[in-house]
Amino acid sequence: MRTKNLLLSAAALVAGALSAHAQSNVYSVNVVGYVNAAIPANQFTLLANPLNDGTNTVASIGAALPNKTTVQVWNGSGFTGTSKAGGVWGNPNLPIPPGTGFFVQTPSTAGIVTNTFVGSVVAGFGQTNTLALPSGFSLVGSPIPFAGTLNDAGPNTLNLGNTLPNKSTIQVWNGTGYTGTSKAGGTWGVNLSLGVAQGFFINTPVATNWSQTLQ
């Protein structure tokens, strides 16, 4: 079931499930729920926070991650990192609000770890959420738990087909490097698919707003 169908069903008080991306699941009732994201051991995984837990820091959204896990957040020109030891995340307690992408790496002894994001969807039914994107690179993910392709447009989609101007680029982490595409003539050259809780880089030539509507 696609995310938009899940959320529409939730309006009728019906629970649903869908694939977020590889080995990940989403469950939601009344736009409050959780997202499971699988993290393989000892390699970088690029995630994004898809829900609002009221705190939205690495200590809250990564509370169950094992010791020796590291998280890195884009600061506009590079990465700011933190790690977990003795059951506690070190300083800084990085803010990771909905729509923020981040790299996470667990230790080699961890096996596949499932991180569970718990919280509410940032937009209610019939509402629009807007994420401000500066010119240049941003590390982001869908603030509403939608999955889809780059050329999707309109309500209940990623809406990147409408949002980003021509000459924008998107880079998706493939586990060892990036797979990229660019927009020209109003269309993305490679119509990449993005999952719930998946982070990616946007590079836009001018500041813009990424708007998504939940209906």
C-alpha atoms as a PDB file:
ATOM      1  CA  MET A   1       0.000   0.000   0.000  1.00  0.00           C
ATOM      2  CA  ARG A   2       1.362   3.413  -0.903  1.00  0.00           C
ATOM      3  CA  THR A   3       1.816   5.947   1.870  1.00  0.00           C
ATOM      4  CA  LYS A   4      -0.922   8.222   0.615  1.00  0.00           C
ATOM      5  CA  ASN A   5      -3.414   5.350   0.707  1.00  0.00           C
ATOM      6  CA  LEU A   6      -2.311   4.508   4.245  1.00  0.00           C
ATOM      7  CA  LEU A   7      -2.850   8.040   5.469  1.00  0.00           C
ATOM      8  CA  LEU A   8      -6.199   8.391   3.754  1.00  0.00           C
ATOM      9  CA  SER A   9      -7.304   5.139   5.349  1.00  0.00           C
ATOM     10  CA  ALA A  10      -6.095   6.450   8.694  1.00  0.00           C
ATOM     11  CA  ALA A  11      -8.638   9.257   8.386  1.00  0.00           C
ATOM     12  CA  ALA A  12     -11.302   6.593   8.515  1.00  0.00           C
ATOM     13  CA  LEU A  13      -9.642   5.075  11.606  1.00  0.00           C
ATOM     14  CA  VAL A  14      -8.270   2.171   9.615  1.00  0.00           C
ATOM     15  CA  ALA A  15      -4.712   0.998  10.256  1.00  0.00           C
ATOM     16  CA  GLY A  16      -2.444   0.141   7.345  1.00  0.00           C
ATOM     17  CA  ALA A  17       1.066  -0.882   6.474  1.00  0.00           C
ATOM     18  CA  LEU A  18       3.484  -0.190   3.641  1.00  0.00           C
ATOM     19  CA  SER A  19       7.101  -0.583   2.671  1.00  0.00           C
ATOM     20  CA  ALA A  20       9.171   2.445   3.586  1.00  0.00           C
ATOM     21  CA  HIS A  21      12.211   1.215   1.674  1.00  0.00           C
ATOM     22  CA  ALA A  22      14.379  -1.880   1.995  1.00  0.00           C
ATOM     23  CA  GLN A  23      13.217  -3.836   5.046  1.00  0.00           C
ATOM     24  CA  SER A  24      11.325  -0.867   6.520  1.00  0.00           C
ATOM     25  CA  ASN A  25       7.676  -0.600   7.506  1.00  0.00           C
ATOM     26  CA  VAL A  26       5.259   2.147   8.423  1.00  0.00           C
ATOM     27  CA  TYR A  27       2.151   1.874  10.564  1.00  0.00           C
ATOM     28  CA  SER A  28      -0.164   4.772  11.283  1.00  0.00           C
ATOM     29  CA  VAL A  29      -3.560   5.532  12.772  1.00  0.00           C
ATOM     30  CA  ASN A  30      -5.032   9.050  12.762  1.00  0.00           C
ATOM     31  CA  VAL A  31      -1.728  10.469  11.446  1.00  0.00           C
ATOM     32  CA  VAL A  32       0.089   9.319  14.574  1.00  0.00           C
ATOM     33  CA  GLY A  33       2.271   6.255  14.390  1.00  0.00           C
ATOM     34  CA  TYR A  34       5.737   4.946  13.764  1.00  0.00           C
ATOM     35  CA  VAL A  35       8.189   4.174  10.987  1.00  0.00           C
ATOM     36  CA  ASN A  36      10.686   1.314  11.099  1.00  0.00           C
ATOM     37  CA  ALA A  37      13.939   1.800   9.189  1.00  0.00           C
ATOM     38  CA  ALA A  38      16.476  -1.018   8.857  1.00  0.00           C
ATOM     39  CA  ILE A  39      20.159  -0.082   9.240  1.00  0.00           C
ATOM     40  CA  PRO A  40      22.829  -2.568   8.107  1.00  0.00           C
ATOM     41  CA  ALA A  41      25.916  -2.930  10.284  1.00  0.00           C
ATOM     42  CA  ASN A  42      29.136  -0.999   9.814  1.00  0.00           C
ATOM     43  CA  GLN A  43      28.142   1.016   6.753  1.00  0.00           C
ATOM     44  CA  PHE A  44      26.692   4.445   6.224  1.00  0.00           C
ATOM     45  CA  THR A  45      22.924   4.614   5.812  1.00  0.00           C
ATOM     46  CA  LEU A  46      21.201   7.843   4.787  1.00  0.00           C
ATOM     47  CA  LEU A  47      17.910   8.333   6.626  1.00  0.00           C
ATOM     48  CA  ALA A  48      15.538  11.238   7.267  1.00  0.00           C
ATOM     49  CA  ASN A  49      13.164  11.954  10.133  1.00  0.00           C
ATOM     50  CA  PRO A  50       9.579  11.378   8.861  1.00  0.00           C
ATOM     51  CA  LEU A  51       7.642  12.164  12.069  1.00  0.00           C
ATOM     52  CA  ASN A  52       7.459  14.780  14.817  1.00  0.00           C
ATOM     53  CA  ASP A  53       8.163  13.263  18.247  1.00  0.00           C
ATOM     54  CA  GLY A  54       7.968  16.617  20.037  1.00  0.00           C
ATOM     55  CA  THR A  55      11.727  16.727  20.727  1.00  0.00           C
ATOM     56  CA  ASN A  56      13.361  15.732  17.433  1.00  0.00           C
ATOM     57  CA  THR A  57      16.955  15.337  18.564  1.00  0.00           C
ATOM     58  CA  VAL A  58      19.393  12.507  17.979  1.00  0.00           C
ATOM     59  CA  ALA A  59      18.861  11.430  21.604  1.00  0.00           C
ATOM     60  CA  SER A  60      15.112  11.069  21.084  1.00  0.00           C
ATOM     61  CA  ILE A  61      14.897   9.581  17.602  1.00  0.00           C
ATOM     62  CA  GLY A  62      18.000   7.406  18.058  1.00  0.00           C
ATOM     63  CA  ALA A  63      17.440   6.329  21.648  1.00  0.00           C
ATOM     64  CA  ALA A  64      17.443   2.608  20.798  1.00  0.00           C
ATOM     65  CA  LEU A  65      20.525   2.652  18.569  1.00  0.00           C
ATOM     66  CA  PRO A  66      23.475   0.688  19.981  1.00  0.00           C
ATOM     67  CA  ASN A  67      26.634   2.089  21.539  1.00  0.00           C
ATOM     68  CA  LYS A  68      29.375   3.088  19.068  1.00  0.00           C
ATOM     69  CA  THR A  69      26.750   4.305  16.606  1.00  0.00           C
ATOM     70  CA  THR A  70      27.592   7.610  14.919  1.00  0.00           C
ATOM     71  CA  VAL A  71      25.242  10.172  13.355  1.00  0.00           C
ATOM     72  CA  GLN A  72      26.235  12.993  11.014  1.00  0.00           C
ATOM     73  CA  VAL A  73      24.038  15.954  10.061  1.00  0.00           C
ATOM     74  CA  TRP A  74      24.737  18.370   7.199  1.00  0.00           C
ATOM     75  CA  ASN A  75      25.511  21.898   8.439  1.00  0.00           C
ATOM     76  CA  GLY A  76      25.491  23.665   5.088  1.00  0.00           C
ATOM     77  CA  SER A  77      29.142  23.171   4.205  1.00  0.00           C
ATOM     78  CA  GLY A  78      30.067  19.880   5.875  1.00  0.00           C
ATOM     79  CA  PHE A  79      28.957  17.483   8.568  1.00  0.00           C
ATOM     80  CA  THR A  80      28.493  17.823  12.317  1.00  0.00           C
ATOM     81  CA  GLY A  81      28.748  14.481  14.056  1.00  0.00           C
ATOM     82  CA  THR A  82      28.038  12.816  17.363  1.00  0.00           C
ATOM     83  CA  SER A  83      28.322   9.294  18.757  1.00  0.00           C
ATOM     84  CA  LYS A  84      26.779   7.105  21.416  1.00  0.00           C
ATOM     85  CA  ALA A  85      28.687   5.577  24.336  1.00  0.00           C
ATOM     86  CA  GLY A  86      27.537   4.167  27.654  1.00  0.00           C
ATOM     87  CA  GLY A  87      23.942   4.412  26.479  1.00  0.00           C
ATOM     88  CA  VAL A  88      24.175   8.196  26.051  1.00  0.00           C
ATOM     89  CA  TRP A  89      24.609  10.371  22.994  1.00  0.00           C
ATOM     90  CA  GLY A  90      27.536  12.762  23.323  1.00  0.00           C
ATOM     91  CA  ASN A  91      27.494  16.480  22.688  1.00  0.00           C
ATOM     92  CA  PRO A  92      26.092  17.993  20.651  1.00  0.00           C
ATOM     93  CA  ASN A  93      22.586  16.554  20.972  1.00  0.00           C
ATOM     94  CA  LEU A  94      21.966  17.229  17.301  1.00  0.00           C
ATOM     95  CA  PRO A  95      18.546  18.614  16.306  1.00  0.00           C
ATOM     96  CA  ILE A  96      16.915  16.452  13.633  1.00  0.00           C
ATOM     97  CA  PRO A  97      13.458  17.919  12.894  1.00  0.00           C
ATOM     98  CA  PRO A  98      11.078  16.267  10.417  1.00  0.00           C
ATOM     99  CA  GLY A  99      12.434  16.525   6.894  1.00  0.00           C
ATOM    100  CA  THR A 100      16.084  16.513   8.000  1.00  0.00           C
ATOM    101  CA  GLY A 101      18.387  13.906   6.496  1.00  0.00           C
ATOM    102  CA  PHE A 102      21.284  12.338   8.372  1.00  0.00           C
ATOM    103  CA  PHE A 103      23.886   9.626   8.002  1.00  0.00           C
ATOM    104  CA  VAL A 104      23.944   6.866  10.600  1.00  0.00           C
ATOM    105  CA  GLN A 105      26.578   4.157  11.047  1.00  0.00           C
ATOM    106  CA  THR A 106      26.253   1.326  13.544  1.00  0.00           C
ATOM    107  CA  PRO A 107      29.193  -0.852  14.729  1.00  0.00           C
ATOM    108  CA  SER A 108      30.169  -4.023  12.889  1.00  0.00           C
ATOM    109  CA  THR A 109      28.957  -6.166  15.795  1.00  0.00           C
ATOM    110  CA  ALA A 110      25.409  -4.779  15.677  1.00  0.00           C
ATOM    111  CA  GLY A 111      23.957  -6.796  12.802  1.00  0.00           C
ATOM    112  CA  ILE A 112      20.896  -5.276  11.141  1.00  0.00           C
ATOM    113  CA  VAL A 113      19.404  -2.690  13.509  1.00  0.00           C
ATOM    114  CA  THR A 114      15.857  -1.356  13.210  1.00  0.00           C
ATOM    115  CA  ASN A 115      15.415   2.264  14.222  1.00  0.00           C
ATOM    116  CA  THR A 116      11.845   3.180  15.084  1.00  0.00           C
ATOM    117  CA  PHE A 117      10.668   6.749  14.532  1.00  0.00           C
ATOM    118  CA  VAL A 118       7.603   7.501  16.669  1.00  0.00           C
ATOM    119  CA  GLY A 119       5.443  10.617  16.468  1.00  0.00           C
ATOM    120  CA  SER A 120       2.845  12.509  14.490  1.00  0.00           C
ATOM    121  CA  VAL A 121       2.691  13.589  10.871  1.00  0.00           C
ATOM    122  CA  VAL A 122       3.599  17.266  10.552  1.00  0.00           C
ATOM    123  CA  ALA A 123       0.454  18.078   8.530  1.00  0.00           C
ATOM    124  CA  GLY A 124      -3.129  17.154   9.334  1.00  0.00           C
ATOM    125  CA  PHE A 125      -5.628  16.103   6.688  1.00  0.00           C
ATOM    126  CA  GLY A 126      -6.320  18.952   4.300  1.00  0.00           C
ATOM    127  CA  GLN A 127      -3.168  20.776   5.419  1.00  0.00           C
ATOM    128  CA  THR A 128       0.057  21.696   3.633  1.00  0.00           C
ATOM    129  CA  ASN A 129       3.535  21.487   5.130  1.00  0.00           C
ATOM    130  CA  THR A 130       6.300  23.693   3.725  1.00  0.00           C
ATOM    131  CA  LEU A 131      10.024  23.062   4.124  1.00  0.00           C
ATOM    132  CA  ALA A 132      12.291  25.997   3.270  1.00  0.00           C
ATOM    133  CA  LEU A 133      15.267  25.005   1.106  1.00  0.00           C
ATOM    134  CA  PRO A 134      18.226  27.385   0.762  1.00  0.00           C
ATOM    135  CA  SER A 135      20.171  27.679  -2.461  1.00  0.00           C
ATOM    136  CA  GLY A 136      22.945  25.113  -2.668  1.00  0.00           C
ATOM    137  CA  PHE A 137      23.046  21.735  -0.968  1.00  0.00           C
ATOM    138  CA  SER A 138      20.503  20.534   1.613  1.00  0.00           C
ATOM    139  CA  LEU A 139      20.314  17.079   3.182  1.00  0.00           C
ATOM    140  CA  VAL A 140      16.622  16.319   3.495  1.00  0.00           C
ATOM    141  CA  GLY A 141      13.846  13.733   3.314  1.00  0.00           C
ATOM    142  CA  SER A 142      10.105  13.922   3.007  1.00  0.00           C
ATOM    143  CA  PRO A 143       8.707  15.629   6.171  1.00  0.00           C
ATOM    144  CA  ILE A 144       5.439  13.752   5.557  1.00  0.00           C
ATOM    145  CA  PRO A 145       5.867   9.964   5.289  1.00  0.00           C
ATOM    146  CA  PHE A 146       5.244   9.825   1.553  1.00  0.00           C
ATOM    147  CA  ALA A 147       7.040   7.543  -0.893  1.00  0.00           C
ATOM    148  CA  GLY A 148       7.114   7.960  -4.647  1.00  0.00           C
ATOM    149  CA  THR A 149       9.131   9.226  -7.595  1.00  0.00           C
ATOM    150  CA  LEU A 150      10.713  12.599  -8.336  1.00  0.00           C
ATOM    151  CA  ASN A 151       8.253  13.521 -11.080  1.00  0.00           C
ATOM    152  CA  ASP A 152       5.212  12.942  -8.841  1.00  0.00           C
ATOM    153  CA  ALA A 153       3.255  16.145  -8.308  1.00  0.00           C
ATOM    154  CA  GLY A 154       0.179  17.239  -6.383  1.00  0.00           C
ATOM    155  CA  PRO A 155      -1.419  16.257  -3.062  1.00  0.00           C
ATOM    156  CA  ASN A 156      -0.390  13.041  -1.310  1.00  0.00           C
ATOM    157  CA  THR A 157       2.911  12.834  -3.223  1.00  0.00           C
ATOM    158  CA  LEU A 158       6.514  13.873  -2.682  1.00  0.00           C
ATOM    159  CA  ASN A 159       5.650  16.860  -4.924  1.00  0.00           C
ATOM    160  CA  LEU A 160       9.236  17.353  -6.006  1.00  0.00           C
ATOM    161  CA  GLY A 161       8.056  17.491  -9.608  1.00  0.00           C
ATOM    162  CA  ASN A 162       6.384  20.817  -8.876  1.00  0.00           C
ATOM    163  CA  THR A 163       8.694  22.225  -6.225  1.00  0.00           C
ATOM    164  CA  LEU A 164      12.266  22.409  -7.417  1.00  0.00           C
ATOM    165  CA  PRO A 165      13.369  24.754 -10.212  1.00  0.00           C
ATOM    166  CA  ASN A 166      15.155  23.675 -13.365  1.00  0.00           C
ATOM    167  CA  LYS A 167      18.904  23.065 -12.949  1.00  0.00           C
ATOM    168  CA  SER A 168      18.284  21.501  -9.540  1.00  0.00           C
ATOM    169  CA  THR A 169      19.975  18.179  -8.799  1.00  0.00           C
ATOM    170  CA  ILE A 170      19.187  15.318  -6.429  1.00  0.00           C
ATOM    171  CA  GLN A 171      21.679  12.758  -5.171  1.00  0.00           C
ATOM    172  CA  VAL A 172      20.581   9.522  -3.526  1.00  0.00           C
ATOM    173  CA  TRP A 173      22.972   7.427  -1.433  1.00  0.00           C
ATOM    174  CA  ASN A 174      23.342   3.882  -2.812  1.00  0.00           C
ATOM    175  CA  GLY A 175      25.446   2.434   0.016  1.00  0.00           C
ATOM    176  CA  THR A 176      28.875   3.253  -1.402  1.00  0.00           C
ATOM    177  CA  GLY A 177      28.299   6.500  -3.307  1.00  0.00           C
ATOM    178  CA  TYR A 178      25.628   8.642  -4.919  1.00  0.00           C
ATOM    179  CA  THR A 179      23.187   8.163  -7.777  1.00  0.00           C
ATOM    180  CA  GLY A 180      22.243  11.552  -9.196  1.00  0.00           C
ATOM    181  CA  THR A 181      19.752  13.195 -11.507  1.00  0.00           C
ATOM    182  CA  SER A 182      18.911  16.739 -12.596  1.00  0.00           C
ATOM    183  CA  LYS A 183      15.845  18.697 -13.645  1.00  0.00           C
ATOM    184  CA  ALA A 184      15.484  20.398 -17.012  1.00  0.00           C
ATOM    185  CA  GLY A 185      12.414  21.458 -18.960  1.00  0.00           C
ATOM    186  CA  GLY A 186      10.289  20.799 -15.886  1.00  0.00           C
ATOM    187  CA  THR A 187      11.156  17.094 -15.755  1.00  0.00           C
ATOM    188  CA  TRP A 188      13.667  15.008 -13.817  1.00  0.00           C
ATOM    189  CA  GLY A 189      16.063  13.214 -16.157  1.00  0.00           C
ATOM    190  CA  VAL A 190      16.113  10.010 -14.099  1.00  0.00           C
ATOM    191  CA  ASN A 191      12.822   9.556 -12.278  1.00  0.00           C
ATOM    192  CA  LEU A 192      14.309   8.143  -9.076  1.00  0.00           C
ATOM    193  CA  SER A 193      12.118   6.427  -6.495  1.00  0.00           C
ATOM    194  CA  LEU A 194      12.333   7.555  -2.872  1.00  0.00           C
ATOM    195  CA  GLY A 195      11.094   5.732   0.196  1.00  0.00           C
ATOM    196  CA  VAL A 196       9.692   6.817   3.536  1.00  0.00           C
ATOM    197  CA  ALA A 197      12.471   7.875   5.940  1.00  0.00           C
ATOM    198  CA  GLN A 198      15.000   8.013   3.093  1.00  0.00           C
ATOM    199  CA  GLY A 199      17.405  10.943   3.085  1.00  0.00           C
ATOM    200  CA  PHE A 200      18.896  12.560  -0.024  1.00  0.00           C
ATOM    201  CA  PHE A 201      20.794  15.649  -1.136  1.00  0.00           C
ATOM    202  CA  ILE A 202      19.069  18.475  -2.996  1.00  0.00           C
ATOM    203  CA  ASN A 203      21.125  21.135  -4.754  1.00  0.00           C
ATOM    204  CA  THR A 204      18.975  23.995  -5.991  1.00  0.00           C
ATOM    205  CA  PRO A 205      20.224  27.152  -7.769  1.00  0.00           C
ATOM    206  CA  VAL A 206      17.868  29.422  -5.806  1.00  0.00           C
ATOM    207  CA  ALA A 207      16.119  29.265  -2.444  1.00  0.00           C
ATOM    208  CA  THR A 208      12.711  27.650  -2.700  1.00  0.00           C
ATOM    209  CA  ASN A 209       9.950  26.077  -0.621  1.00  0.00           C
ATOM    210  CA  TRP A 210       9.085  22.382  -0.750  1.00  0.00           C
ATOM    211  CA  SER A 211       5.350  22.114  -0.127  1.00  0.00           C
ATOM    212  CA  GLN A 212       3.404  18.890   0.408  1.00  0.00           C
ATOM    213  CA  THR A 213      -0.316  18.528   0.994  1.00  0.00           C
ATOM    214  CA  LEU A 214      -2.022  15.696   2.849  1.00  0.00           C
ATOM    215  CA  GLN A 215      -5.559  14.978   1.623  1.00  0.00           C
END
